[in-house]
Amino acid sequence: MTPLAGVFPILPTIFESGGALDLGGTRNVLEYIVAAGAAGVVFPGLASEYDMLSVDERLEVTASLGQWIGGRVPFIVGASHADAAVAIRLAHAGANAGAVAAMILTPHAHAGDGDAMARYFNDIHAATGLAIMLQNAPAPLGVGLGVTEVAALARAVKGIRYAKEETQPSGHRITALAAEAGHGVEAVFGGAGARYIIDELQRGATGTMPACEVTEVHVQMLALYRSGNVDSARDLFERTLPLLSMQAVFRWRLTKAILLRRGMIGSDYVRAPGPALDRWDLRELDALLARIADLLPLDSYPGEQARMPQ
């Protein structure tokens, strides 16, 4: 398999205004991500509100994604679950949908027990055959393993081929992981909304897995960086950083507020708890978007021609 690299946005789960799944809106966002030039797509992740979805909902959207993507880009299925048996079901569904890997958070139940953690991941890999991307997120979302623990886990579980490092400082950890894990980890991705993307790339990250609302900008940023035009990549990074800083506070709500403004979705309903955008926040969001309208126009978006009716 071609090594994984580039921009792999997390596909959000789009809901109708009453809270039910909106598959049409979810597909619109997928088509935008693909048309914007993303190297691949991930679902579900933290930015998908995965822990607000039932297992059946996760299985339904995963199966739909297999049909919609149709092999156009690599698909990484999020199979995080405290119960290894459920994680196996989710990973199997991803494999059936054409996923190339399963991204899985370190389960809290095995924190501090390296042997139990290794058995958990070994069982999933053995049952599904899917390569595993270890998602190392800090508490309370994940366990936040130390670099030595991640490297040891990768050596103990042959199925762990990738890592998504989100425990801070991510740059330091990516540098250390390359030294300690060696060839045990083929690729390391950054996350955290791409707020540290330049530093992560300079330290050896092969790509980034941010939320999806500025996918075309992230794609252009990585292309400039890979071509050696680091200053221009930094220019894009600096122009989008105020928006990404706001996204760090409002998370899914900020992502969906932008997707709604761009016409991809009919509702910005969010199931997950967290602060809501008030009228002052919305005014600030509009001001920030106006300042980068040349990069992120609100009257059009890649993939618009494939838009599903709302």
Protein backbone atom coordinates (compact mmCIF):
# COMPACT_ATOMS: atom_id res chain seq x y z
CA MET A 1 0.00 0.00 0.00
CA THR A 2 1.20 3.53 -0.78
CA PRO A 3 2.42 5.21 2.42
CA LEU A 4 -0.17 7.51 3.95
CA ALA A 5 0.73 11.19 3.66
CA GLY A 6 -0.91 14.57 3.18
CA VAL A 7 -4.14 16.12 4.40
CA PHE A 8 -6.65 13.62 5.82
CA PRO A 9 -9.54 15.72 7.17
CA ILE A 10 -11.93 14.33 9.75
CA LEU A 11 -15.39 14.12 8.22
CA PRO A 12 -17.98 15.57 10.62
CA THR A 13 -21.33 13.90 11.18
CA ILE A 14 -24.02 16.20 9.85
CA PHE A 15 -27.40 16.18 11.60
CA GLU A 16 -30.80 17.49 10.69
CA SER A 17 -32.16 20.34 12.82
CA GLY A 18 -33.97 17.79 15.01
CA GLY A 19 -30.80 15.79 15.66
CA ALA A 20 -31.23 12.85 13.26
CA LEU A 21 -28.48 11.84 10.86
CA ASP A 22 -28.36 13.90 7.68
CA LEU A 23 -26.70 11.58 5.17
CA GLY A 24 -27.16 14.03 2.31
CA GLY A 25 -25.37 16.78 4.20
CA THR A 26 -22.63 14.39 5.27
CA ARG A 27 -22.11 13.38 1.66
CA ASN A 28 -21.93 17.04 0.59
CA VAL A 29 -19.06 17.60 3.01
CA LEU A 30 -17.33 14.43 1.81
CA GLU A 31 -17.54 15.58 -1.80
CA TYR A 32 -16.09 18.95 -0.79
CA ILE A 33 -13.18 17.27 0.99
CA VAL A 34 -12.38 15.08 -2.01
CA ALA A 35 -12.79 17.90 -4.57
CA ALA A 36 -10.58 20.16 -2.44
CA GLY A 37 -7.69 17.77 -3.05
CA ALA A 38 -7.44 15.97 0.27
CA ALA A 39 -5.19 12.92 0.23
CA GLY A 40 -7.80 10.91 2.13
CA VAL A 41 -10.62 11.10 4.65
CA VAL A 42 -11.19 9.87 8.20
CA PHE A 43 -14.51 8.94 9.84
CA PRO A 44 -15.44 9.01 12.61
CA GLY A 45 -12.98 10.93 14.74
CA LEU A 46 -13.26 13.31 17.64
CA ALA A 47 -14.37 16.04 15.22
CA SER A 48 -17.16 13.69 14.05
CA GLU A 49 -18.70 13.63 17.56
CA TYR A 50 -18.06 9.89 17.42
CA ASP A 51 -18.91 9.40 21.08
CA MET A 52 -22.34 10.95 20.48
CA LEU A 53 -23.16 8.35 17.80
CA SER A 54 -24.67 4.95 18.44
CA VAL A 55 -22.81 1.92 17.13
CA ASP A 56 -25.57 1.42 14.55
CA GLU A 57 -25.19 5.02 13.35
CA ARG A 58 -21.46 4.59 13.00
CA LEU A 59 -21.97 1.40 11.01
CA GLU A 60 -24.57 3.07 8.78
CA VAL A 61 -22.40 6.06 7.89
CA THR A 62 -19.32 3.89 7.42
CA ALA A 63 -21.15 1.66 4.94
CA SER A 64 -22.44 4.72 3.09
CA LEU A 65 -18.94 6.17 2.89
CA GLY A 66 -17.69 3.01 1.23
CA GLN A 67 -20.25 3.55 -1.53
CA TRP A 68 -19.69 7.29 -1.85
CA ILE A 69 -15.90 7.24 -1.85
CA GLY A 70 -15.69 4.36 -4.29
CA GLY A 71 -11.92 4.05 -3.93
CA ARG A 72 -11.23 7.65 -5.04
CA VAL A 73 -9.12 8.40 -1.95
CA PRO A 74 -7.89 6.31 0.98
CA PHE A 75 -10.42 5.98 3.79
CA ILE A 76 -9.40 5.55 7.43
CA VAL A 77 -12.19 4.27 9.64
CA GLY A 78 -12.40 5.41 13.24
CA ALA A 79 -12.93 2.30 15.34
CA SER A 80 -12.38 3.68 18.83
CA HIS A 81 -14.44 1.95 21.51
CA ALA A 82 -13.79 0.84 25.07
CA ASP A 83 -15.01 -2.68 24.24
CA ALA A 84 -12.61 -4.52 21.93
CA ALA A 85 -15.47 -6.62 20.53
CA VAL A 86 -17.30 -3.47 19.44
CA ALA A 87 -14.11 -1.96 18.07
CA ILE A 88 -13.69 -5.13 15.98
CA ARG A 89 -17.22 -4.70 14.58
CA LEU A 90 -16.47 -1.10 13.67
CA ALA A 91 -13.14 -1.97 12.09
CA HIS A 92 -14.73 -4.85 10.14
CA ALA A 93 -17.32 -2.41 8.80
CA GLY A 94 -14.52 -0.13 7.72
CA ALA A 95 -12.70 -2.96 5.98
CA ASN A 96 -15.92 -3.86 4.13
CA ALA A 97 -16.20 -0.19 3.09
CA GLY A 98 -12.68 -0.22 1.66
CA ALA A 99 -10.81 1.36 4.58
CA VAL A 100 -7.03 1.09 4.47
CA ALA A 101 -6.58 1.47 8.24
CA ALA A 102 -8.46 1.82 11.51
CA MET A 103 -7.74 4.80 13.75
CA ILE A 104 -8.22 3.85 17.40
CA LEU A 105 -7.84 5.81 20.63
CA THR A 106 -5.99 4.25 23.53
CA PRO A 107 -8.73 2.93 25.87
CA HIS A 108 -8.87 4.35 29.40
CA ALA A 109 -9.52 0.90 30.86
CA HIS A 110 -5.95 -0.17 30.03
CA ALA A 111 -4.12 2.97 31.12
CA GLY A 112 -0.95 2.00 32.91
CA ASP A 113 -1.14 -1.63 31.76
CA GLY A 114 1.04 -2.03 28.70
CA ASP A 115 0.30 -5.74 28.30
CA ALA A 116 -3.47 -5.23 28.37
CA MET A 117 -3.16 -2.33 25.95
CA ALA A 118 -1.14 -4.49 23.56
CA ARG A 119 -3.69 -7.33 23.78
CA TYR A 120 -6.50 -4.89 22.97
CA PHE A 121 -4.84 -3.70 19.77
CA ASN A 122 -3.54 -7.15 18.83
CA ASP A 123 -7.05 -8.60 19.09
CA ILE A 124 -8.46 -5.92 16.78
CA HIS A 125 -5.72 -6.35 14.20
CA ALA A 126 -5.89 -10.15 14.30
CA ALA A 127 -9.66 -10.15 13.83
CA THR A 128 -9.79 -7.63 10.99
CA GLY A 129 -6.40 -7.59 9.27
CA LEU A 130 -6.58 -3.80 9.10
CA ALA A 131 -3.52 -1.71 9.77
CA ILE A 132 -3.96 0.33 12.93
CA MET A 133 -3.35 4.02 13.43
CA LEU A 134 -2.76 4.61 17.11
CA GLN A 135 -4.49 7.86 18.10
CA ASN A 136 -2.56 9.25 21.04
CA ALA A 137 -4.80 12.00 22.41
CA PRO A 138 -4.44 13.49 25.89
CA ALA A 139 -6.89 12.94 28.74
CA PRO A 140 -9.82 13.12 29.03
CA LEU A 141 -10.22 12.12 25.37
CA GLY A 142 -7.51 9.48 25.41
CA VAL A 143 -4.80 8.18 27.70
CA GLY A 144 -1.96 10.38 26.48
CA LEU A 145 0.80 7.77 26.35
CA GLY A 146 4.42 8.82 26.70
CA VAL A 147 6.69 8.47 23.68
CA THR A 148 8.44 5.43 25.14
CA GLU A 149 5.05 3.79 25.73
CA VAL A 150 3.90 4.50 22.16
CA ALA A 151 7.14 3.07 20.77
CA ALA A 152 6.86 -0.03 22.97
CA LEU A 153 3.26 -0.56 21.93
CA ALA A 154 4.18 -0.28 18.26
CA ARG A 155 6.88 -2.91 18.75
CA ALA A 156 4.50 -5.21 20.62
CA VAL A 157 1.65 -4.94 18.08
CA LYS A 158 2.74 -5.57 14.50
CA GLY A 159 -0.56 -4.17 13.24
CA ILE A 160 0.22 -0.66 14.53
CA ARG A 161 1.75 0.98 11.49
CA TYR A 162 0.73 4.60 11.96
CA ALA A 163 0.32 7.11 14.76
CA LYS A 164 -1.68 10.30 15.16
CA GLU A 165 0.08 12.33 17.82
CA GLU A 166 -2.09 14.88 19.61
CA THR A 167 -0.53 15.00 23.06
CA GLN A 168 1.37 18.25 23.51
CA PRO A 169 3.96 19.37 22.71
CA SER A 170 3.25 17.36 19.59
CA GLY A 171 6.35 18.52 17.74
CA HIS A 172 8.71 17.31 20.47
CA ARG A 173 6.88 14.01 20.61
CA ILE A 174 7.00 13.48 16.84
CA THR A 175 10.77 14.03 16.89
CA ALA A 176 11.21 11.62 19.79
CA LEU A 177 8.89 9.02 18.32
CA ALA A 178 10.89 8.89 15.09
CA ALA A 179 14.01 8.18 17.13
CA GLU A 180 12.48 5.60 19.48
CA ALA A 181 10.03 3.76 17.22
CA GLY A 182 12.27 3.57 14.17
CA HIS A 183 10.62 1.63 11.37
CA GLY A 184 7.96 0.30 13.75
CA VAL A 185 5.79 3.28 12.81
CA GLU A 186 5.64 4.01 9.08
CA ALA A 187 3.96 7.41 9.30
CA VAL A 188 3.07 9.95 11.96
CA PHE A 189 0.27 12.48 11.54
CA GLY A 190 -0.42 15.62 13.51
CA GLY A 191 -3.89 16.65 14.61
CA ALA A 192 -5.11 19.37 16.96
CA GLY A 193 -6.83 21.22 14.12
CA ALA A 194 -3.52 21.76 12.29
CA ARG A 195 -2.62 24.52 14.75
CA TYR A 196 1.00 23.26 14.89
CA ILE A 197 1.25 22.01 11.34
CA ILE A 198 4.47 23.70 10.20
CA ASP A 199 6.39 22.59 13.28
CA GLU A 200 5.03 19.05 12.93
CA LEU A 201 6.01 18.82 9.26
CA GLN A 202 9.52 20.06 9.99
CA ARG A 203 9.88 17.37 12.64
CA GLY A 204 8.91 14.54 10.28
CA ALA A 205 5.12 14.32 10.31
CA THR A 206 3.89 12.91 7.01
CA GLY A 207 0.61 14.78 7.15
CA THR A 208 -2.17 16.26 9.22
CA MET A 209 -5.67 15.24 10.27
CA PRO A 210 -7.56 18.44 11.02
CA ALA A 211 -11.24 19.32 11.03
CA CYS A 212 -12.44 19.88 7.49
CA GLU A 213 -13.73 23.46 7.19
CA VAL A 214 -10.61 24.84 5.45
CA THR A 215 -9.51 21.72 3.57
CA GLU A 216 -8.50 23.47 0.35
CA VAL A 217 -6.24 25.84 2.30
CA HIS A 218 -4.57 22.99 4.17
CA VAL A 219 -4.04 21.14 0.89
CA GLN A 220 -2.41 24.21 -0.66
CA MET A 221 -0.33 24.74 2.48
CA LEU A 222 1.11 21.23 2.36
CA ALA A 223 1.74 21.46 -1.38
CA LEU A 224 3.75 24.66 -0.88
CA TYR A 225 5.68 23.11 1.98
CA ARG A 226 6.48 19.94 0.03
CA SER A 227 7.68 22.03 -2.93
CA GLY A 228 10.15 23.82 -0.68
CA ASN A 229 8.21 27.08 -0.52
CA VAL A 230 8.05 27.09 3.26
CA ASP A 231 7.61 30.87 3.57
CA SER A 232 4.44 30.78 1.45
CA ALA A 233 3.18 27.80 3.45
CA ARG A 234 3.75 29.86 6.60
CA ASP A 235 1.83 32.77 5.08
CA LEU A 236 -1.22 30.55 4.65
CA PHE A 237 -0.75 29.11 8.12
CA GLU A 238 -0.62 32.56 9.69
CA ARG A 239 -3.68 33.76 7.78
CA THR A 240 -5.79 30.84 8.96
CA LEU A 241 -4.48 30.67 12.53
CA PRO A 242 -7.05 33.09 14.05
CA LEU A 243 -9.83 30.90 12.68
CA LEU A 244 -8.14 27.74 13.94
CA SER A 245 -7.70 29.32 17.35
CA MET A 246 -11.43 29.99 17.46
CA GLN A 247 -12.05 26.41 16.37
CA ALA A 248 -10.01 25.19 19.34
CA VAL A 249 -12.65 26.71 21.64
CA PHE A 250 -15.87 25.93 19.79
CA ARG A 251 -14.79 22.72 18.06
CA TRP A 252 -17.67 21.09 16.15
CA ARG A 253 -19.83 24.21 16.37
CA LEU A 254 -17.26 26.35 14.61
CA THR A 255 -16.73 23.73 11.90
CA LYS A 256 -20.43 23.41 11.22
CA ALA A 257 -21.02 27.18 11.38
CA ILE A 258 -18.54 27.57 8.51
CA LEU A 259 -19.94 24.65 6.51
CA LEU A 260 -23.41 26.17 6.89
CA ARG A 261 -22.17 29.55 5.69
CA ARG A 262 -20.56 27.88 2.69
CA GLY A 263 -23.85 26.23 1.73
CA MET A 264 -22.82 22.60 2.19
CA ILE A 265 -25.22 21.72 4.99
CA GLY A 266 -28.75 22.70 5.96
CA SER A 267 -28.29 22.60 9.73
CA ASP A 268 -25.39 23.20 12.11
CA TYR A 269 -26.96 21.02 14.83
CA VAL A 270 -24.41 19.57 17.26
CA ARG A 271 -25.01 16.71 19.70
CA ALA A 272 -21.79 17.10 21.67
CA PRO A 273 -21.67 19.33 24.75
CA GLY A 274 -19.60 22.50 24.74
CA PRO A 275 -19.84 26.28 24.47
CA ALA A 276 -22.21 27.69 21.87
CA LEU A 277 -21.42 30.61 19.59
CA ASP A 278 -23.25 33.75 20.76
CA ARG A 279 -23.96 36.80 18.61
CA TRP A 280 -20.54 38.31 19.41
CA ASP A 281 -18.80 35.10 18.40
CA LEU A 282 -20.79 34.97 15.17
CA ARG A 283 -19.83 38.55 14.40
CA GLU A 284 -16.16 37.69 15.01
CA LEU A 285 -16.46 34.58 12.84
CA ASP A 286 -17.87 36.62 9.98
CA ALA A 287 -15.03 39.13 10.33
CA LEU A 288 -12.41 36.39 10.26
CA LEU A 289 -13.97 34.75 7.22
CA ALA A 290 -14.13 38.09 5.41
CA ARG A 291 -10.38 38.53 5.91
CA ILE A 292 -9.62 35.24 4.13
CA ALA A 293 -12.41 35.38 1.54
CA ASP A 294 -9.82 35.01 -1.23
CA LEU A 295 -8.80 31.67 0.27
CA LEU A 296 -12.20 30.50 1.47
CA PRO A 297 -15.05 32.08 -0.54
CA LEU A 298 -18.51 31.73 0.93
CA ASP A 299 -20.31 31.78 -2.44
CA SER A 300 -18.68 28.62 -3.81
CA TYR A 301 -16.69 25.59 -2.75
CA PRO A 302 -14.95 22.62 -4.39
CA GLY A 303 -17.37 19.80 -5.13
CA GLU A 304 -20.41 22.07 -5.21
CA GLN A 305 -21.62 20.52 -8.47
CA ALA A 306 -22.13 17.22 -6.61
CA ARG A 307 -24.20 18.80 -3.85
CA MET A 308 -27.09 16.71 -2.57
CA PRO A 309 -30.41 18.52 -2.01
CA GLN A 310 -31.17 19.51 1.58
